PDB file of all heavy atoms in Angstrom:
ATOM      1  N   THR A   1      20.780  38.452 -25.870  1.00  0.00           N
ATOM      2  CA  THR A   1      20.994  39.766 -25.275  1.00  0.00           C
ATOM      3  C   THR A   1      21.909  39.723 -24.064  1.00  0.00           C
ATOM      4  O   THR A   1      22.441  40.766 -23.642  1.00  0.00           O
ATOM      5  CB  THR A   1      19.633  40.375 -24.825  1.00  0.00           C
ATOM      6  OG1 THR A   1      19.098  39.580 -23.755  1.00  0.00           O
ATOM      7  CG2 THR A   1      18.652  40.404 -25.982  1.00  0.00           C
ATOM      8  N   GLY A   2      22.083  38.566 -23.481  1.00  0.00           N
ATOM      9  CA  GLY A   2      22.891  38.445 -22.309  1.00  0.00           C
ATOM     10  C   GLY A   2      22.214  38.947 -21.018  1.00  0.00           C
ATOM     11  O   GLY A   2      22.796  39.047 -19.965  1.00  0.00           O
ATOM     12  N   ARG A   3      20.906  39.266 -21.121  1.00  0.00           N
ATOM     13  CA  ARG A   3      20.204  39.754 -19.939  1.00  0.00           C
ATOM     14  C   ARG A   3      19.667  38.636 -19.065  1.00  0.00           C
ATOM     15  O   ARG A   3      19.288  37.618 -19.563  1.00  0.00           O
ATOM     16  CB  ARG A   3      19.046  40.693 -20.381  1.00  0.00           C
ATOM     17  CG  ARG A   3      19.485  41.973 -21.069  1.00  0.00           C
ATOM     18  CD  ARG A   3      18.285  42.790 -21.513  1.00  0.00           C
ATOM     19  NE  ARG A   3      17.472  42.045 -22.474  1.00  0.00           N
ATOM     20  CZ  ARG A   3      16.352  42.530 -22.960  1.00  0.00           C
ATOM     21  NH1 ARG A   3      15.937  43.734 -22.649  1.00  0.00           N
ATOM     22  NH2 ARG A   3      15.652  41.829 -23.863  1.00  0.00           N
ATOM     23  N   ASN A   4      19.636  38.925 -17.771  1.00  0.00           N
ATOM     24  CA  ASN A   4      19.067  37.927 -16.859  1.00  0.00           C
ATOM     25  C   ASN A   4      17.567  37.884 -17.102  1.00  0.00           C
ATOM     26  O   ASN A   4      16.885  38.865 -17.307  1.00  0.00           O
ATOM     27  CB  ASN A   4      19.286  38.334 -15.396  1.00  0.00           C
ATOM     28  CG  ASN A   4      20.636  37.981 -14.919  1.00  0.00           C
ATOM     29  OD1 ASN A   4      21.274  37.056 -15.431  1.00  0.00           O
ATOM     30  ND2 ASN A   4      21.107  38.733 -13.940  1.00  0.00           N
ATOM     31  N   ILE A   5      17.011  36.663 -17.128  1.00  0.00           N
ATOM     32  CA  ILE A   5      15.608  36.456 -17.169  1.00  0.00           C
ATOM     33  C   ILE A   5      15.264  35.439 -16.051  1.00  0.00           C
ATOM     34  O   ILE A   5      16.094  34.615 -15.697  1.00  0.00           O
ATOM     35  CB  ILE A   5      15.067  35.962 -18.505  1.00  0.00           C
ATOM     36  CG1 ILE A   5      15.780  34.664 -18.906  1.00  0.00           C
ATOM     37  CG2 ILE A   5      15.286  37.023 -19.586  1.00  0.00           C
ATOM     38  CD1 ILE A   5      15.232  34.049 -20.178  1.00  0.00           C
ATOM     39  N   VAL A   6      14.085  35.546 -15.502  1.00  0.00           N
ATOM     40  CA  VAL A   6      13.660  34.560 -14.520  1.00  0.00           C
ATOM     41  C   VAL A   6      12.870  33.475 -15.296  1.00  0.00           C
ATOM     42  O   VAL A   6      11.845  33.761 -15.847  1.00  0.00           O
ATOM     43  CB  VAL A   6      12.804  35.171 -13.429  1.00  0.00           C
ATOM     44  CG1 VAL A   6      12.282  34.095 -12.468  1.00  0.00           C
ATOM     45  CG2 VAL A   6      13.604  36.188 -12.655  1.00  0.00           C
ATOM     46  N   SER A   7      13.407  32.291 -15.325  1.00  0.00           N
ATOM     47  CA  SER A   7      12.807  31.206 -16.067  1.00  0.00           C
ATOM     48  C   SER A   7      11.740  30.510 -15.240  1.00  0.00           C
ATOM     49  O   SER A   7      12.092  29.864 -14.226  1.00  0.00           O
ATOM     50  CB  SER A   7      13.840  30.246 -16.576  1.00  0.00           C
ATOM     51  OG  SER A   7      13.220  29.143 -17.195  1.00  0.00           O
ATOM     52  N   SER A   8      10.517  30.580 -15.635  1.00  0.00           N
ATOM     53  CA  SER A   8       9.475  29.805 -14.980  1.00  0.00           C
ATOM     54  C   SER A   8       9.311  28.471 -15.675  1.00  0.00           C
ATOM     55  O   SER A   8       8.405  27.692 -15.347  1.00  0.00           O
ATOM     56  CB  SER A   8       8.156  30.565 -15.004  1.00  0.00           C
ATOM     57  OG  SER A   8       7.760  30.875 -16.325  1.00  0.00           O
ATOM     58  N   ARG A   9      10.179  28.196 -16.646  1.00  0.00           N
ATOM     59  CA  ARG A   9      10.046  26.976 -17.458  1.00  0.00           C
ATOM     60  C   ARG A   9      10.936  25.876 -16.982  1.00  0.00           C
ATOM     61  O   ARG A   9      10.951  24.758 -17.531  1.00  0.00           O
ATOM     62  CB  ARG A   9      10.361  27.280 -18.935  1.00  0.00           C
ATOM     63  CG  ARG A   9       9.489  28.351 -19.572  1.00  0.00           C
ATOM     64  CD  ARG A   9       9.885  28.582 -21.005  1.00  0.00           C
ATOM     65  NE  ARG A   9       9.546  27.376 -21.841  1.00  0.00           N
ATOM     66  CZ  ARG A   9      10.238  27.059 -22.907  1.00  0.00           C
ATOM     67  NH1 ARG A   9      11.273  27.767 -23.313  1.00  0.00           N
ATOM     68  NH2 ARG A   9       9.905  25.987 -23.581  1.00  0.00           N
ATOM     69  N   VAL A  10      11.725  26.082 -15.908  1.00  0.00           N
ATOM     70  CA  VAL A  10      12.572  25.046 -15.395  1.00  0.00           C
ATOM     71  C   VAL A  10      11.727  24.087 -14.523  1.00  0.00           C
ATOM     72  O   VAL A  10      11.106  24.506 -13.553  1.00  0.00           O
ATOM     73  CB  VAL A  10      13.704  25.596 -14.531  1.00  0.00           C
ATOM     74  CG1 VAL A  10      14.499  24.514 -13.877  1.00  0.00           C
ATOM     75  CG2 VAL A  10      14.611  26.517 -15.405  1.00  0.00           C
ATOM     76  N   PRO A  11      11.697  22.799 -14.863  1.00  0.00           N
ATOM     77  CA  PRO A  11      10.921  21.839 -14.045  1.00  0.00           C
ATOM     78  C   PRO A  11      11.590  21.727 -12.671  1.00  0.00           C
ATOM     79  O   PRO A  11      12.783  21.565 -12.543  1.00  0.00           O
ATOM     80  CB  PRO A  11      11.049  20.537 -14.816  1.00  0.00           C
ATOM     81  CG  PRO A  11      11.421  20.918 -16.199  1.00  0.00           C
ATOM     82  CD  PRO A  11      12.241  22.143 -16.057  1.00  0.00           C
ATOM     83  N   LEU A  12      10.768  21.863 -11.655  1.00  0.00           N
ATOM     84  CA  LEU A  12      11.342  21.804 -10.278  1.00  0.00           C
ATOM     85  C   LEU A  12      10.313  21.251  -9.348  1.00  0.00           C
ATOM     86  O   LEU A  12       9.106  21.366  -9.546  1.00  0.00           O
ATOM     87  CB  LEU A  12      11.747  23.199  -9.823  1.00  0.00           C
ATOM     88  CG  LEU A  12      10.719  24.341  -9.890  1.00  0.00           C
ATOM     89  CD1 LEU A  12      10.102  24.594  -8.545  1.00  0.00           C
ATOM     90  CD2 LEU A  12      11.328  25.587 -10.469  1.00  0.00           C
ATOM     91  N   PRO A  13      10.767  20.632  -8.278  1.00  0.00           N
ATOM     92  CA  PRO A  13       9.844  20.061  -7.288  1.00  0.00           C
ATOM     93  C   PRO A  13       9.125  21.198  -6.555  1.00  0.00           C
ATOM     94  O   PRO A  13       9.726  22.245  -6.229  1.00  0.00           O
ATOM     95  CB  PRO A  13      10.732  19.297  -6.313  1.00  0.00           C
ATOM     96  CG  PRO A  13      12.030  19.157  -7.040  1.00  0.00           C
ATOM     97  CD  PRO A  13      12.195  20.313  -7.953  1.00  0.00           C
ATOM     98  N   GLN A  14       7.835  21.062  -6.364  1.00  0.00           N
ATOM     99  CA  GLN A  14       7.085  22.028  -5.594  1.00  0.00           C
ATOM    100  C   GLN A  14       7.263  21.707  -4.097  1.00  0.00           C
ATOM    101  O   GLN A  14       7.210  20.552  -3.695  1.00  0.00           O
ATOM    102  CB  GLN A  14       5.608  21.935  -5.964  1.00  0.00           C
ATOM    103  CG  GLN A  14       5.348  22.183  -7.421  1.00  0.00           C
ATOM    104  CD  GLN A  14       5.851  23.558  -7.903  1.00  0.00           C
ATOM    105  OE1 GLN A  14       5.548  24.547  -7.289  1.00  0.00           O
ATOM    106  NE2 GLN A  14       6.584  23.530  -9.025  1.00  0.00           N
ATOM    107  N   TYR A  15       7.511  22.729  -3.313  1.00  0.00           N
ATOM    108  CA  TYR A  15       7.950  22.523  -1.902  1.00  0.00           C
ATOM    109  C   TYR A  15       6.913  22.975  -0.917  1.00  0.00           C
ATOM    110  O   TYR A  15       6.371  24.084  -1.040  1.00  0.00           O
ATOM    111  CB  TYR A  15       9.260  23.293  -1.758  1.00  0.00           C
ATOM    112  CG  TYR A  15       9.876  23.200  -0.384  1.00  0.00           C
ATOM    113  CD1 TYR A  15      10.326  21.968   0.074  1.00  0.00           C
ATOM    114  CD2 TYR A  15      10.129  24.306   0.380  1.00  0.00           C
ATOM    115  CE1 TYR A  15      10.944  21.848   1.312  1.00  0.00           C
ATOM    116  CE2 TYR A  15      10.743  24.229   1.624  1.00  0.00           C
ATOM    117  CZ  TYR A  15      11.137  23.009   2.071  1.00  0.00           C
ATOM    118  OH  TYR A  15      11.749  22.859   3.323  1.00  0.00           O
ATOM    119  N   LEU A  16       6.615  22.167   0.030  1.00  0.00           N
ATOM    120  CA  LEU A  16       5.769  22.450   1.172  1.00  0.00           C
ATOM    121  C   LEU A  16       4.349  22.844   0.844  1.00  0.00           C
ATOM    122  O   LEU A  16       3.415  22.073   1.044  1.00  0.00           O
ATOM    123  CB  LEU A  16       6.401  23.570   2.081  1.00  0.00           C
ATOM    124  CG  LEU A  16       7.495  23.100   3.056  1.00  0.00           C
ATOM    125  CD1 LEU A  16       8.073  24.258   3.814  1.00  0.00           C
ATOM    126  CD2 LEU A  16       6.904  22.075   4.009  1.00  0.00           C
ATOM    127  N   ASN A  17       4.139  24.047   0.272  1.00  0.00           N
ATOM    128  CA  ASN A  17       2.784  24.432  -0.022  1.00  0.00           C
ATOM    129  C   ASN A  17       2.361  24.049  -1.417  1.00  0.00           C
ATOM    130  O   ASN A  17       1.312  24.430  -1.910  1.00  0.00           O
ATOM    131  CB  ASN A  17       2.607  25.969   0.144  1.00  0.00           C
ATOM    132  CG  ASN A  17       3.610  26.781  -0.684  1.00  0.00           C
ATOM    133  OD1 ASN A  17       4.465  26.200  -1.295  1.00  0.00           O
ATOM    134  ND2 ASN A  17       3.488  28.074  -0.638  1.00  0.00           N
ATOM    135  N   GLY A  18       3.221  23.245  -2.111  1.00  0.00           N
ATOM    136  CA  GLY A  18       2.850  22.661  -3.385  1.00  0.00           C
ATOM    137  C   GLY A  18       2.598  21.165  -3.210  1.00  0.00           C
ATOM    138  O   GLY A  18       2.156  20.695  -2.193  1.00  0.00           O
ATOM    139  N   SER A  19       3.009  20.387  -4.256  1.00  0.00           N
ATOM    140  CA  SER A  19       2.794  18.976  -4.202  1.00  0.00           C
ATOM    141  C   SER A  19       3.883  18.234  -3.413  1.00  0.00           C
ATOM    142  O   SER A  19       3.744  17.040  -3.120  1.00  0.00           O
ATOM    143  CB  SER A  19       2.672  18.402  -5.611  1.00  0.00           C
ATOM    144  OG  SER A  19       3.755  18.831  -6.413  1.00  0.00           O
ATOM    145  N   ASP A  20       4.978  18.921  -3.111  1.00  0.00           N
ATOM    146  CA  ASP A  20       6.010  18.341  -2.194  1.00  0.00           C
ATOM    147  C   ASP A  20       6.461  16.989  -2.675  1.00  0.00           C
ATOM    148  O   ASP A  20       6.556  16.037  -1.872  1.00  0.00           O
ATOM    149  CB  ASP A  20       5.418  18.285  -0.786  1.00  0.00           C
ATOM    150  CG  ASP A  20       6.460  18.667   0.274  1.00  0.00           C
ATOM    151  OD1 ASP A  20       7.633  18.961  -0.088  1.00  0.00           O
ATOM    152  OD2 ASP A  20       6.111  18.650   1.462  1.00  0.00           O
ATOM    153  N   GLN A  21       6.755  16.825  -3.979  1.00  0.00           N
ATOM    154  CA  GLN A  21       6.972  15.534  -4.563  1.00  0.00           C
ATOM    155  C   GLN A  21       8.117  14.720  -3.906  1.00  0.00           C
ATOM    156  O   GLN A  21       7.982  13.530  -3.643  1.00  0.00           O
ATOM    157  CB  GLN A  21       7.297  15.623  -6.074  1.00  0.00           C
ATOM    158  CG  GLN A  21       6.197  16.269  -6.912  1.00  0.00           C
ATOM    159  CD  GLN A  21       6.528  17.686  -7.213  1.00  0.00           C
ATOM    160  OE1 GLN A  21       6.977  18.429  -6.371  1.00  0.00           O
ATOM    161  NE2 GLN A  21       6.247  18.107  -8.435  1.00  0.00           N
ATOM    162  N   LEU A  22       9.235  15.407  -3.627  1.00  0.00           N
ATOM    163  CA  LEU A  22      10.383  14.683  -3.097  1.00  0.00           C
ATOM    164  C   LEU A  22      10.155  14.197  -1.652  1.00  0.00           C
ATOM    165  O   LEU A  22      10.490  13.062  -1.310  1.00  0.00           O
ATOM    166  CB  LEU A  22      11.645  15.550  -3.206  1.00  0.00           C
ATOM    167  CG  LEU A  22      12.094  15.874  -4.614  1.00  0.00           C
ATOM    168  CD1 LEU A  22      13.252  16.843  -4.604  1.00  0.00           C
ATOM    169  CD2 LEU A  22      12.484  14.604  -5.356  1.00  0.00           C
ATOM    170  N   PHE A  23       9.572  15.073  -0.852  1.00  0.00           N
ATOM    171  CA  PHE A  23       9.308  14.653   0.537  1.00  0.00           C
ATOM    172  C   PHE A  23       8.239  13.556   0.562  1.00  0.00           C
ATOM    173  O   PHE A  23       8.283  12.655   1.360  1.00  0.00           O
ATOM    174  CB  PHE A  23       8.854  15.863   1.379  1.00  0.00           C
ATOM    175  CG  PHE A  23       8.786  15.540   2.847  1.00  0.00           C
ATOM    176  CD1 PHE A  23       9.941  15.375   3.575  1.00  0.00           C
ATOM    177  CD2 PHE A  23       7.562  15.426   3.491  1.00  0.00           C
ATOM    178  CE1 PHE A  23       9.911  15.096   4.949  1.00  0.00           C
ATOM    179  CE2 PHE A  23       7.500  15.144   4.843  1.00  0.00           C
ATOM    180  CZ  PHE A  23       8.676  14.974   5.585  1.00  0.00           C
ATOM    181  N   THR A  24       7.229  13.660  -0.332  1.00  0.00           N
ATOM    182  CA  THR A  24       6.181  12.623  -0.408  1.00  0.00           C
ATOM    183  C   THR A  24       6.823  11.310  -0.826  1.00  0.00           C
ATOM    184  O   THR A  24       6.486  10.229  -0.260  1.00  0.00           O
ATOM    185  CB  THR A  24       5.107  13.010  -1.398  1.00  0.00           C
ATOM    186  OG1 THR A  24       4.474  14.244  -0.950  1.00  0.00           O
ATOM    187  CG2 THR A  24       4.067  11.938  -1.590  1.00  0.00           C
ATOM    188  N   ALA A  25       7.760  11.348  -1.767  1.00  0.00           N
ATOM    189  CA  ALA A  25       8.477  10.125  -2.203  1.00  0.00           C
ATOM    190  C   ALA A  25       9.218   9.531  -1.031  1.00  0.00           C
ATOM    191  O   ALA A  25       9.265   8.297  -0.862  1.00  0.00           O
ATOM    192  CB  ALA A  25       9.395  10.422  -3.375  1.00  0.00           C
ATOM    193  N   LEU A  26       9.867  10.368  -0.235  1.00  0.00           N
ATOM    194  CA  LEU A  26      10.606   9.864   0.922  1.00  0.00           C
ATOM    195  C   LEU A  26       9.670   9.237   1.936  1.00  0.00           C
ATOM    196  O   LEU A  26       9.941   8.146   2.469  1.00  0.00           O
ATOM    197  CB  LEU A  26      11.413  11.009   1.587  1.00  0.00           C
ATOM    198  CG  LEU A  26      12.160  10.701   2.846  1.00  0.00           C
ATOM    199  CD1 LEU A  26      13.253   9.686   2.558  1.00  0.00           C
ATOM    200  CD2 LEU A  26      12.748  11.961   3.494  1.00  0.00           C
ATOM    201  N   ARG A  27       8.539   9.877   2.213  1.00  0.00           N
ATOM    202  CA  ARG A  27       7.590   9.337   3.160  1.00  0.00           C
ATOM    203  C   ARG A  27       7.045   7.988   2.673  1.00  0.00           C
ATOM    204  O   ARG A  27       6.925   7.033   3.461  1.00  0.00           O
ATOM    205  CB  ARG A  27       6.402  10.305   3.352  1.00  0.00           C
ATOM    206  CG  ARG A  27       6.729  11.444   4.305  1.00  0.00           C
ATOM    207  CD  ARG A  27       5.426  12.179   4.724  1.00  0.00           C
ATOM    208  NE  ARG A  27       4.513  11.254   5.417  1.00  0.00           N
ATOM    209  CZ  ARG A  27       3.307  11.591   5.836  1.00  0.00           C
ATOM    210  NH1 ARG A  27       2.825  12.797   5.628  1.00  0.00           N
ATOM    211  NH2 ARG A  27       2.515  10.711   6.443  1.00  0.00           N
ATOM    212  N   ASN A  28       6.736   7.877   1.376  1.00  0.00           N
ATOM    213  CA  ASN A  28       6.223   6.614   0.866  1.00  0.00           C
ATOM    214  C   ASN A  28       7.271   5.524   0.973  1.00  0.00           C
ATOM    215  O   ASN A  28       6.921   4.344   1.186  1.00  0.00           O
ATOM    216  CB  ASN A  28       5.776   6.803  -0.592  1.00  0.00           C
ATOM    217  CG  ASN A  28       4.485   7.586  -0.757  1.00  0.00           C
ATOM    218  OD1 ASN A  28       3.697   7.651   0.177  1.00  0.00           O
ATOM    219  ND2 ASN A  28       4.328   8.212  -1.904  1.00  0.00           N
ATOM    220  N   TRP A  29       8.509   5.884   0.809  1.00  0.00           N
ATOM    221  CA  TRP A  29       9.628   4.905   0.945  1.00  0.00           C
ATOM    222  C   TRP A  29       9.720   4.420   2.363  1.00  0.00           C
ATOM    223  O   TRP A  29       9.824   3.213   2.598  1.00  0.00           O
ATOM    224  CB  TRP A  29      10.899   5.620   0.477  1.00  0.00           C
ATOM    225  CG  TRP A  29      12.080   4.757   0.144  1.00  0.00           C
ATOM    226  CD1 TRP A  29      12.067   3.384   0.040  1.00  0.00           C
ATOM    227  CD2 TRP A  29      13.396   5.185  -0.076  1.00  0.00           C
ATOM    228  NE1 TRP A  29      13.336   2.959  -0.271  1.00  0.00           N
ATOM    229  CE2 TRP A  29      14.173   4.027  -0.347  1.00  0.00           C
ATOM    230  CE3 TRP A  29      14.025   6.433  -0.078  1.00  0.00           C
ATOM    231  CZ2 TRP A  29      15.536   4.100  -0.629  1.00  0.00           C
ATOM    232  CZ3 TRP A  29      15.355   6.507  -0.358  1.00  0.00           C
ATOM    233  CH2 TRP A  29      16.101   5.345  -0.622  1.00  0.00           C
ATOM    234  N   VAL A  30       9.708   5.341   3.314  1.00  0.00           N
ATOM    235  CA  VAL A  30       9.823   5.024   4.732  1.00  0.00           C
ATOM    236  C   VAL A  30       8.588   4.308   5.271  1.00  0.00           C
ATOM    237  O   VAL A  30       8.679   3.255   5.950  1.00  0.00           O
ATOM    238  CB  VAL A  30      10.143   6.267   5.599  1.00  0.00           C
ATOM    239  CG1 VAL A  30      10.055   5.956   7.047  1.00  0.00           C
ATOM    240  CG2 VAL A  30      11.525   6.830   5.225  1.00  0.00           C
TER     241      VAL A  30
END
């Protein structure tokens, strides 16, 4: 259809009030 849809199916890091995966990985590294 060419219409915009908001995809909730894109895997993405949860930020701050979620699991904060990337920042947690950085902390574990440091």
